[in-house]
Amino acid sequence: MPRSFWVETLGCPKNQVDSDKLTGTMLADGMVPADGPGSADLVVVNTCAFVEDAREESVATVLAIDDLRRDDARLVVTGCMAERYGDELAAALPEVDEVAGFGVPVSLGPTRTVPSLDLLNLPRPRAARPWAYVKVAEGCDKRCGFCAIPSFRGPQVSRTVDSVLAEVEQLQVREVVLVAQDLAAYGRDGGEGERAIVPLVRAVDDLVDRVRLLYLYPSELTDELIETMCGTTVPYFDLSLQHVSAPLVRRMRRWGNGERYLERIEAIRAHRPDAAFRSNFIVGYPGETEEDHDALLEFVEAARLDWCGFFAYSPEEGTHAAALDGEVPAPLVEERLGELRATADAISAAVRDELIGTRQTVLVDEPGVARSHREAPEIDGIVQVPEHLAVGEFHVVEVTDAFGPDLLATPVDAPAAGGDRR
């Protein structure tokens, strides 16, 4: 009887791709998926280590799964925590049979060891949903003051265009979401030049109905890339801004300021009025003043982004910010977070209300759940539709109501293709 496995994934979409690749390896080795961690012969926890909250969640998940697994099951911890902490994590979690980063051999059973997983180029199973993340590069060459990722994921390593396109074709999905730590820098490490992301987007767009990009540094958002994205059916801009106050941005070792960001956003909206925007911001970075906070509030109000995320600064060992003075007291950070989230949520709700009465082309992900170009999977709101609409197909719907981040819509008698190419 074949051995069974269960993979528990924490963290970002890039981690989900890693788990899919690991799943593909185990399937190719003759293993079969289990119904849950309690019935598997092998349980793998793919951890996240980006901030302290993520690390705490990862440890809690490992301990919870240890309570669920069979006595004879093997428990392996991999992912970012394993990459970053390795021996320290193994010592802290004696319940775990193996702690293995993706750059070292991983034991999948008593007679099977996968040497040094090259996750970027491993096969993966066909997607179970009508969309899929596709990771095009690993690592990062930037040295943002708050981020430890380059220290354990290493410098950027890009896949070839052919390997990305082969994976896209193999997945057989309607929408592809391209991800990387520094997506717009794709190909630069391989000598393909700073515009390598543009031909990749165009090539993927030729294969699927929708191509979406996640995690774009504002300094990498060239006119050519904007023009290319606006020419697809998904003018969706996920901009990694982090803050807008010029002194604080410099202290973060990043490029830009609120005025430059607003100019770029307004230029995109002039070209594509239906463009959608998402960004994340760090609150409480060392040295953040009340003036910095007010500047971020003013930017959020002026930019009217569709989606905003706000996160408390987490000191990370070995980063530039860890040695900075100017710690912001935790109660003040919470106060600022509350003010920003309330402002952004009100804006998102108002933007959603403005869509009532409009017609949208949506992709149905599962019965009753759909998305237009404005909603990235798993992180944004959804469009609620009648459950009889075919999953994996595009439908034209009319928005009839809005509930916070979500929309309610009914189908209309109109043909639906992948979207509206303007």
Protein backbone atom coordinates (compact mmCIF):
# COMPACT_ATOMS: atom_id res chain seq x y z
CA MET A 1 0.00 0.00 0.00
CA PRO A 2 1.48 3.40 -0.97
CA ARG A 3 2.54 5.78 1.77
CA SER A 4 0.36 8.85 2.31
CA PHE A 5 1.31 12.47 2.93
CA TRP A 6 -0.15 15.76 4.13
CA VAL A 7 1.37 19.21 3.55
CA GLU A 8 0.38 22.11 5.81
CA THR A 9 1.30 25.49 4.32
CA LEU A 10 1.75 28.78 6.15
CA GLY A 11 2.71 32.21 4.87
CA CYS A 12 2.66 33.81 1.47
CA PRO A 13 1.74 32.60 -2.04
CA LYS A 14 5.40 31.84 -2.70
CA ASN A 15 5.25 29.26 0.08
CA GLN A 16 2.15 27.75 -1.51
CA VAL A 17 4.08 27.25 -4.74
CA ASP A 18 6.88 25.56 -2.79
CA SER A 19 4.33 23.22 -1.21
CA ASP A 20 2.85 22.42 -4.62
CA LYS A 21 6.31 21.53 -5.90
CA LEU A 22 6.96 19.32 -2.89
CA THR A 23 3.57 17.69 -3.42
CA GLY A 24 4.48 17.03 -7.05
CA THR A 25 7.69 15.34 -5.92
CA MET A 26 5.86 13.05 -3.51
CA LEU A 27 3.20 12.16 -6.07
CA ALA A 28 5.94 11.31 -8.58
CA ASP A 29 7.50 9.09 -5.92
CA GLY A 30 4.29 7.05 -5.68
CA MET A 31 2.90 8.56 -2.51
CA VAL A 32 -0.79 9.52 -2.20
CA PRO A 33 -2.51 12.49 -0.50
CA ALA A 34 -4.05 11.83 2.91
CA ASP A 35 -7.43 13.16 4.05
CA GLY A 36 -5.75 15.10 6.84
CA PRO A 37 -2.67 15.25 9.08
CA GLY A 38 -4.13 12.63 11.41
CA SER A 39 -4.20 9.93 8.74
CA ALA A 40 -0.90 10.60 6.93
CA ASP A 41 2.30 8.58 7.04
CA LEU A 42 4.28 11.76 6.41
CA VAL A 43 3.27 15.25 7.54
CA VAL A 44 5.19 18.26 6.21
CA VAL A 45 4.74 21.74 7.70
CA ASN A 46 5.93 24.49 5.35
CA THR A 47 6.65 27.38 7.72
CA CYS A 48 6.84 31.16 7.47
CA ALA A 49 9.43 33.30 9.24
CA PHE A 50 8.80 36.79 7.83
CA VAL A 51 7.76 38.41 11.14
CA GLU A 52 7.42 37.33 14.76
CA ASP A 53 3.67 36.65 14.50
CA ALA A 54 4.31 34.32 11.55
CA ARG A 55 6.99 32.45 13.47
CA GLU A 56 4.70 32.02 16.46
CA GLU A 57 1.93 30.72 14.19
CA SER A 58 4.36 28.28 12.57
CA VAL A 59 5.49 26.83 15.90
CA ALA A 60 1.89 26.61 17.16
CA THR A 61 0.88 24.78 13.99
CA VAL A 62 3.73 22.29 14.30
CA LEU A 63 2.76 21.52 17.90
CA ALA A 64 -0.93 21.19 17.01
CA ILE A 65 -0.15 18.78 14.17
CA ASP A 66 2.14 16.79 16.44
CA ASP A 67 -0.89 16.20 18.66
CA LEU A 68 -2.95 15.06 15.65
CA ARG A 69 -0.50 12.76 13.84
CA ARG A 70 -0.31 9.02 14.29
CA ASP A 71 2.43 7.62 16.53
CA ASP A 72 4.14 6.02 13.55
CA ALA A 73 3.85 9.07 11.27
CA ARG A 74 6.87 11.17 10.35
CA LEU A 75 6.76 14.95 10.98
CA VAL A 76 9.03 17.18 8.86
CA VAL A 77 9.34 20.96 9.19
CA THR A 78 10.56 22.88 6.17
CA GLY A 79 10.17 26.35 4.67
CA CYS A 80 11.48 29.70 5.83
CA MET A 81 11.84 28.90 9.53
CA ALA A 82 13.81 25.77 8.70
CA GLU A 83 15.95 27.75 6.26
CA ARG A 84 16.60 30.54 8.74
CA TYR A 85 16.94 28.77 12.08
CA GLY A 86 17.78 25.15 11.22
CA ASP A 87 19.56 23.53 14.20
CA GLU A 88 18.08 26.04 16.64
CA LEU A 89 14.55 25.11 15.55
CA ALA A 90 15.32 21.39 15.74
CA ALA A 91 16.56 21.79 19.32
CA ALA A 92 13.48 23.79 20.29
CA LEU A 93 11.08 21.25 18.76
CA PRO A 94 12.14 17.75 19.82
CA GLU A 95 8.69 16.55 18.72
CA VAL A 96 9.77 16.97 15.08
CA ASP A 97 11.49 14.11 13.26
CA GLU A 98 13.35 16.37 10.83
CA VAL A 99 13.94 20.08 10.23
CA ALA A 100 15.05 20.61 6.64
CA GLY A 101 15.33 23.77 4.61
CA PHE A 102 14.69 23.45 0.91
CA GLY A 103 18.41 23.72 0.24
CA VAL A 104 19.26 20.48 2.07
CA PRO A 105 18.18 16.86 1.56
CA VAL A 106 14.64 16.09 2.74
CA SER A 107 13.68 12.57 3.84
CA LEU A 108 10.30 11.54 2.45
CA GLY A 109 10.36 8.06 3.97
CA PRO A 110 12.57 5.21 5.14
CA THR A 111 14.03 4.61 1.69
CA ARG A 112 13.56 7.94 -0.08
CA THR A 113 15.59 11.14 0.29
CA VAL A 114 15.25 14.08 -2.08
CA PRO A 115 18.64 15.81 -2.33
CA SER A 116 18.77 19.61 -2.20
CA LEU A 117 15.39 20.47 -3.62
CA ASP A 118 15.57 22.82 -6.60
CA LEU A 119 12.02 23.99 -5.99
CA LEU A 120 11.94 26.48 -8.83
CA ASN A 121 12.15 23.74 -11.42
CA LEU A 122 10.42 20.81 -9.74
CA PRO A 123 7.22 19.52 -11.35
CA ARG A 124 3.91 20.25 -9.67
CA PRO A 125 0.47 18.68 -9.99
CA ARG A 126 -2.20 20.17 -12.22
CA ALA A 127 -4.02 22.99 -10.43
CA ALA A 128 -7.19 22.05 -8.57
CA ARG A 129 -8.58 25.56 -9.05
CA PRO A 130 -9.05 27.70 -12.17
CA TRP A 131 -6.12 29.89 -11.10
CA ALA A 132 -2.60 29.23 -9.84
CA TYR A 133 0.42 31.01 -8.44
CA VAL A 134 3.59 30.63 -10.51
CA LYS A 135 6.89 31.57 -8.88
CA VAL A 136 9.33 32.96 -11.45
CA ALA A 137 12.33 33.66 -9.21
CA GLU A 138 13.69 32.91 -5.76
CA GLY A 139 15.61 35.20 -3.42
CA CYS A 140 16.15 38.95 -3.52
CA ASP A 141 19.01 41.33 -4.25
CA LYS A 142 17.50 44.29 -2.41
CA ARG A 143 18.50 45.09 1.16
CA CYS A 144 15.47 46.77 2.70
CA GLY A 145 16.18 47.77 6.27
CA PHE A 146 13.45 45.66 7.85
CA CYS A 147 13.66 42.45 5.77
CA ALA A 148 15.68 39.33 6.57
CA ILE A 149 14.57 37.33 3.52
CA PRO A 150 17.82 37.80 1.53
CA SER A 151 19.78 36.37 4.48
CA PHE A 152 18.09 32.96 4.25
CA ARG A 153 16.57 32.87 0.76
CA GLY A 154 19.74 34.21 -0.84
CA PRO A 155 20.23 36.44 -3.89
CA GLN A 156 17.75 36.42 -6.73
CA VAL A 157 17.76 33.40 -9.03
CA SER A 158 15.36 33.63 -11.98
CA ARG A 159 13.88 30.76 -13.93
CA THR A 160 14.09 30.66 -17.69
CA VAL A 161 11.14 31.95 -19.67
CA ASP A 162 10.68 28.51 -21.24
CA SER A 163 10.43 26.78 -17.85
CA VAL A 164 7.83 29.28 -16.64
CA LEU A 165 5.75 28.90 -19.79
CA ALA A 166 5.96 25.11 -19.60
CA GLU A 167 4.62 25.21 -16.06
CA VAL A 168 1.82 27.58 -17.06
CA GLU A 169 0.74 25.22 -19.83
CA GLN A 170 0.93 22.20 -17.53
CA LEU A 171 -1.28 23.81 -14.86
CA GLN A 172 -4.18 24.29 -17.32
CA VAL A 173 -5.73 27.29 -15.57
CA ARG A 174 -7.61 30.39 -16.70
CA GLU A 175 -5.64 32.81 -14.51
CA VAL A 176 -1.95 32.83 -13.59
CA VAL A 177 -0.63 34.90 -10.69
CA LEU A 178 3.09 35.56 -11.10
CA VAL A 179 4.98 35.88 -7.81
CA ALA A 180 8.54 36.47 -6.63
CA GLN A 181 10.27 38.42 -3.88
CA ASP A 182 11.16 41.10 -6.45
CA LEU A 183 8.95 40.28 -9.39
CA ALA A 184 9.79 43.20 -11.68
CA ALA A 185 13.51 42.38 -11.41
CA TYR A 186 12.86 38.98 -12.99
CA GLY A 187 15.67 37.90 -15.32
CA ARG A 188 18.13 40.56 -14.32
CA ASP A 189 20.37 38.04 -12.56
CA GLY A 190 20.57 35.98 -15.75
CA GLY A 191 21.74 38.79 -17.97
CA GLU A 192 18.40 39.27 -19.72
CA GLY A 193 18.23 42.94 -18.75
CA GLU A 194 15.85 45.00 -16.69
CA ARG A 195 12.93 44.55 -19.10
CA ALA A 196 12.80 40.76 -18.92
CA ILE A 197 9.55 40.88 -16.95
CA VAL A 198 7.75 42.56 -19.86
CA PRO A 199 8.26 39.79 -22.45
CA LEU A 200 7.43 37.22 -19.77
CA VAL A 201 4.11 38.91 -18.96
CA ARG A 202 3.28 39.13 -22.65
CA ALA A 203 4.14 35.48 -23.23
CA VAL A 204 2.04 34.29 -20.27
CA ASP A 205 -0.80 36.55 -21.37
CA ASP A 206 -0.79 34.74 -24.71
CA LEU A 207 -1.35 31.40 -22.92
CA VAL A 208 -4.05 32.25 -20.36
CA ASP A 209 -7.07 34.52 -20.07
CA ARG A 210 -5.66 36.45 -17.14
CA VAL A 211 -2.16 37.18 -15.88
CA ARG A 212 -1.80 38.96 -12.55
CA LEU A 213 1.39 40.30 -10.94
CA LEU A 214 2.02 40.36 -7.19
CA TYR A 215 4.71 42.32 -5.34
CA LEU A 216 6.04 45.15 -7.48
CA TYR A 217 8.61 47.55 -6.07
CA PRO A 218 7.68 51.12 -7.07
CA SER A 219 11.25 51.76 -8.27
CA GLU A 220 10.85 48.90 -10.77
CA LEU A 221 7.52 50.05 -12.20
CA THR A 222 8.71 51.25 -15.60
CA ASP A 223 6.52 52.89 -18.23
CA GLU A 224 6.89 49.80 -20.41
CA LEU A 225 5.71 47.50 -17.63
CA ILE A 226 2.75 49.77 -16.86
CA GLU A 227 1.79 49.86 -20.54
CA THR A 228 2.05 46.07 -20.74
CA MET A 229 -0.07 45.49 -17.63
CA CYS A 230 -2.68 47.97 -18.76
CA GLY A 231 -2.86 46.11 -22.06
CA THR A 232 -3.90 42.86 -20.37
CA THR A 233 -7.28 41.99 -18.90
CA VAL A 234 -5.91 42.49 -15.38
CA PRO A 235 -4.80 46.08 -14.71
CA TYR A 236 -4.08 45.19 -11.09
CA PHE A 237 -1.10 46.83 -9.39
CA ASP A 238 0.18 45.31 -6.15
CA LEU A 239 2.75 47.88 -5.10
CA SER A 240 5.20 47.22 -2.28
CA LEU A 241 5.27 50.75 -0.82
CA GLN A 242 5.77 50.11 2.96
CA HIS A 243 5.66 53.85 3.82
CA VAL A 244 5.39 57.26 2.18
CA SER A 245 7.29 59.68 4.44
CA ALA A 246 10.54 60.46 2.62
CA PRO A 247 12.79 60.46 5.73
CA LEU A 248 11.34 57.17 6.95
CA VAL A 249 11.51 55.57 3.49
CA ARG A 250 15.21 56.44 3.36
CA ARG A 251 15.63 54.99 6.84
CA MET A 252 14.05 51.81 5.45
CA ARG A 253 16.68 51.83 2.68
CA ARG A 254 14.03 52.10 0.01
CA TRP A 255 13.15 54.38 -2.89
CA GLY A 256 10.44 56.98 -3.22
CA ASN A 257 7.90 59.02 -1.28
CA GLY A 258 4.18 59.63 -1.22
CA GLU A 259 4.23 62.34 -3.87
CA ARG A 260 6.02 60.11 -6.38
CA TYR A 261 3.73 57.20 -5.62
CA LEU A 262 0.62 59.33 -6.11
CA GLU A 263 1.91 60.64 -9.44
CA ARG A 264 2.45 57.11 -10.68
CA ILE A 265 -0.97 55.92 -9.48
CA GLU A 266 -2.75 58.87 -11.07
CA ALA A 267 -0.92 58.30 -14.36
CA ILE A 268 -2.03 54.66 -14.39
CA ARG A 269 -5.63 55.62 -13.65
CA ALA A 270 -5.56 58.14 -16.49
CA HIS A 271 -4.60 55.28 -18.82
CA ARG A 272 -6.88 52.65 -17.26
CA PRO A 273 -9.63 54.17 -15.09
CA ASP A 274 -10.62 50.66 -13.99
CA ALA A 275 -7.14 49.84 -12.64
CA ALA A 276 -7.08 48.32 -9.16
CA PHE A 277 -4.41 48.96 -6.55
CA ARG A 278 -3.18 47.14 -3.45
CA SER A 279 -0.33 47.94 -1.08
CA ASN A 280 1.02 47.08 2.37
CA PHE A 281 2.52 49.44 4.93
CA ILE A 282 4.69 49.00 8.00
CA VAL A 283 3.63 50.89 11.11
CA GLY A 284 6.03 51.66 13.96
CA TYR A 285 9.32 51.38 12.09
CA PRO A 286 12.12 52.73 14.32
CA GLY A 287 12.06 56.52 14.25
CA GLU A 288 8.50 56.84 12.92
CA THR A 289 7.21 60.20 14.13
CA GLU A 290 3.70 61.59 14.37
CA GLU A 291 4.45 63.60 11.24
CA ASP A 292 5.40 60.37 9.41
CA HIS A 293 2.15 58.77 10.55
CA ASP A 294 0.11 61.78 9.44
CA ALA A 295 1.80 61.67 6.04
CA LEU A 296 0.79 58.02 5.64
CA LEU A 297 -2.80 58.80 6.68
CA GLU A 298 -2.97 61.63 4.14
CA PHE A 299 -1.58 59.37 1.44
CA VAL A 300 -4.12 56.61 2.16
CA GLU A 301 -6.94 59.15 1.94
CA ALA A 302 -5.61 60.68 -1.28
CA ALA A 303 -4.63 57.46 -3.09
CA ARG A 304 -7.94 55.66 -2.43
CA LEU A 305 -6.37 52.27 -2.97
CA ASP A 306 -8.75 49.37 -3.45
CA TRP A 307 -6.95 47.30 -0.84
CA CYS A 308 -4.55 48.18 1.98
CA GLY A 309 -2.75 46.07 4.55
CA PHE A 310 -1.02 47.45 7.64
CA PHE A 311 1.44 45.56 9.81
CA ALA A 312 3.28 46.40 12.99
CA TYR A 313 7.04 46.57 12.59
CA SER A 314 8.76 43.39 13.74
CA PRO A 315 12.49 43.61 14.59
CA GLU A 316 14.39 40.97 12.66
CA GLU A 317 17.81 39.74 13.75
CA GLY A 318 20.60 40.74 11.40
CA THR A 319 18.69 43.50 9.61
CA HIS A 320 19.68 47.15 9.39
CA ALA A 321 16.60 48.23 11.34
CA ALA A 322 17.37 45.96 14.29
CA ALA A 323 20.21 48.30 15.30
CA LEU A 324 18.30 51.56 14.81
CA ASP A 325 17.19 53.77 17.67
CA GLY A 326 13.78 55.39 17.96
CA GLU A 327 11.65 52.43 19.04
CA VAL A 328 7.95 53.25 18.83
CA PRO A 329 6.00 52.15 21.95
CA ALA A 330 3.68 49.20 21.29
CA PRO A 331 0.51 51.02 22.49
CA LEU A 332 1.21 53.87 20.07
CA VAL A 333 1.77 51.40 17.23
CA GLU A 334 -1.59 49.80 17.96
CA GLU A 335 -3.26 53.20 18.02
CA ARG A 336 -1.77 54.12 14.65
CA LEU A 337 -2.71 50.75 13.19
CA GLY A 338 -6.30 51.21 14.30
CA GLU A 339 -6.54 54.66 12.77
CA LEU A 340 -5.03 53.55 9.45
CA ARG A 341 -7.12 50.40 9.18
CA ALA A 342 -10.35 52.26 9.92
CA THR A 343 -9.53 54.83 7.25
CA ALA A 344 -8.54 52.24 4.65
CA ASP A 345 -11.53 49.99 5.35
CA ALA A 346 -13.90 52.91 4.86
CA ILE A 347 -12.24 53.73 1.54
CA SER A 348 -12.36 50.11 0.36
CA ALA A 349 -16.05 49.93 1.26
CA ALA A 350 -16.78 53.17 -0.60
CA VAL A 351 -14.86 51.97 -3.67
CA ARG A 352 -16.87 48.72 -3.61
CA ASP A 353 -20.16 50.65 -3.24
CA GLU A 354 -19.30 52.59 -6.41
CA LEU A 355 -19.36 49.32 -8.36
CA ILE A 356 -23.04 48.68 -7.59
CA GLY A 357 -24.98 48.73 -10.85
CA THR A 358 -21.92 48.05 -13.02
CA ARG A 359 -21.27 45.00 -15.15
CA GLN A 360 -18.16 42.96 -14.49
CA THR A 361 -16.53 39.94 -16.07
CA VAL A 362 -15.80 37.42 -13.33
CA LEU A 363 -14.02 34.09 -13.08
CA VAL A 364 -15.84 31.57 -10.88
CA ASP A 365 -13.32 29.94 -8.53
CA GLU A 366 -15.77 27.67 -6.72
CA PRO A 367 -19.57 27.43 -6.43
CA GLY A 368 -20.87 30.87 -5.47
CA VAL A 369 -17.42 32.53 -5.35
CA ALA A 370 -16.01 34.61 -8.19
CA ARG A 371 -13.52 37.41 -8.84
CA SER A 372 -13.20 40.25 -11.31
CA HIS A 373 -9.81 41.72 -12.24
CA ARG A 374 -10.01 43.82 -9.07
CA GLU A 375 -9.70 40.89 -6.67
CA ALA A 376 -6.54 38.84 -6.27
CA PRO A 377 -7.24 35.32 -4.99
CA GLU A 378 -7.07 34.70 -1.25
CA ILE A 379 -6.09 38.25 -0.22
CA ASP A 380 -8.86 40.54 -1.48
CA GLY A 381 -12.64 40.48 -1.35
CA ILE A 382 -14.80 38.25 -3.55
CA VAL A 383 -17.82 38.53 -5.81
CA GLN A 384 -20.69 36.35 -4.55
CA VAL A 385 -22.62 34.82 -7.45
CA PRO A 386 -25.34 32.17 -7.80
CA GLU A 387 -23.95 28.69 -7.17
CA HIS A 388 -25.16 27.36 -10.52
CA LEU A 389 -22.63 29.44 -12.47
CA ALA A 390 -20.01 27.12 -13.94
CA VAL A 391 -16.73 26.90 -12.02
CA GLY A 392 -13.67 27.72 -14.09
CA GLU A 393 -15.64 29.82 -16.56
CA PHE A 394 -16.01 33.54 -17.12
CA HIS A 395 -19.40 35.16 -16.70
CA VAL A 396 -20.74 38.68 -17.14
CA VAL A 397 -22.53 39.77 -13.98
CA GLU A 398 -24.20 42.89 -12.65
CA VAL A 399 -23.21 44.03 -9.18
CA THR A 400 -26.33 44.43 -7.03
CA ASP A 401 -24.90 45.09 -3.57
CA ALA A 402 -21.73 45.42 -1.52
CA PHE A 403 -20.91 44.08 1.93
CA GLY A 404 -17.62 45.55 3.12
CA PRO A 405 -14.95 43.98 0.88
CA ASP A 406 -17.35 41.65 -0.93
CA LEU A 407 -19.80 42.20 -3.78
CA LEU A 408 -23.09 40.48 -4.60
CA ALA A 409 -23.82 39.99 -8.30
CA THR A 410 -26.28 38.32 -10.65
CA PRO A 411 -25.56 36.97 -14.15
CA VAL A 412 -26.69 38.87 -17.22
CA ASP A 413 -27.32 37.62 -20.74
CA ALA A 414 -24.04 38.55 -22.34
CA PRO A 415 -21.09 36.56 -23.70
CA ALA A 416 -18.06 36.36 -21.44
CA ALA A 417 -14.47 35.91 -22.56
CA GLY A 418 -11.38 36.28 -20.41
CA GLY A 419 -12.00 39.95 -19.85
CA ASP A 420 -12.17 43.34 -21.47
CA ARG A 421 -8.98 44.16 -23.43
CA ARG A 422 -8.86 47.89 -23.78
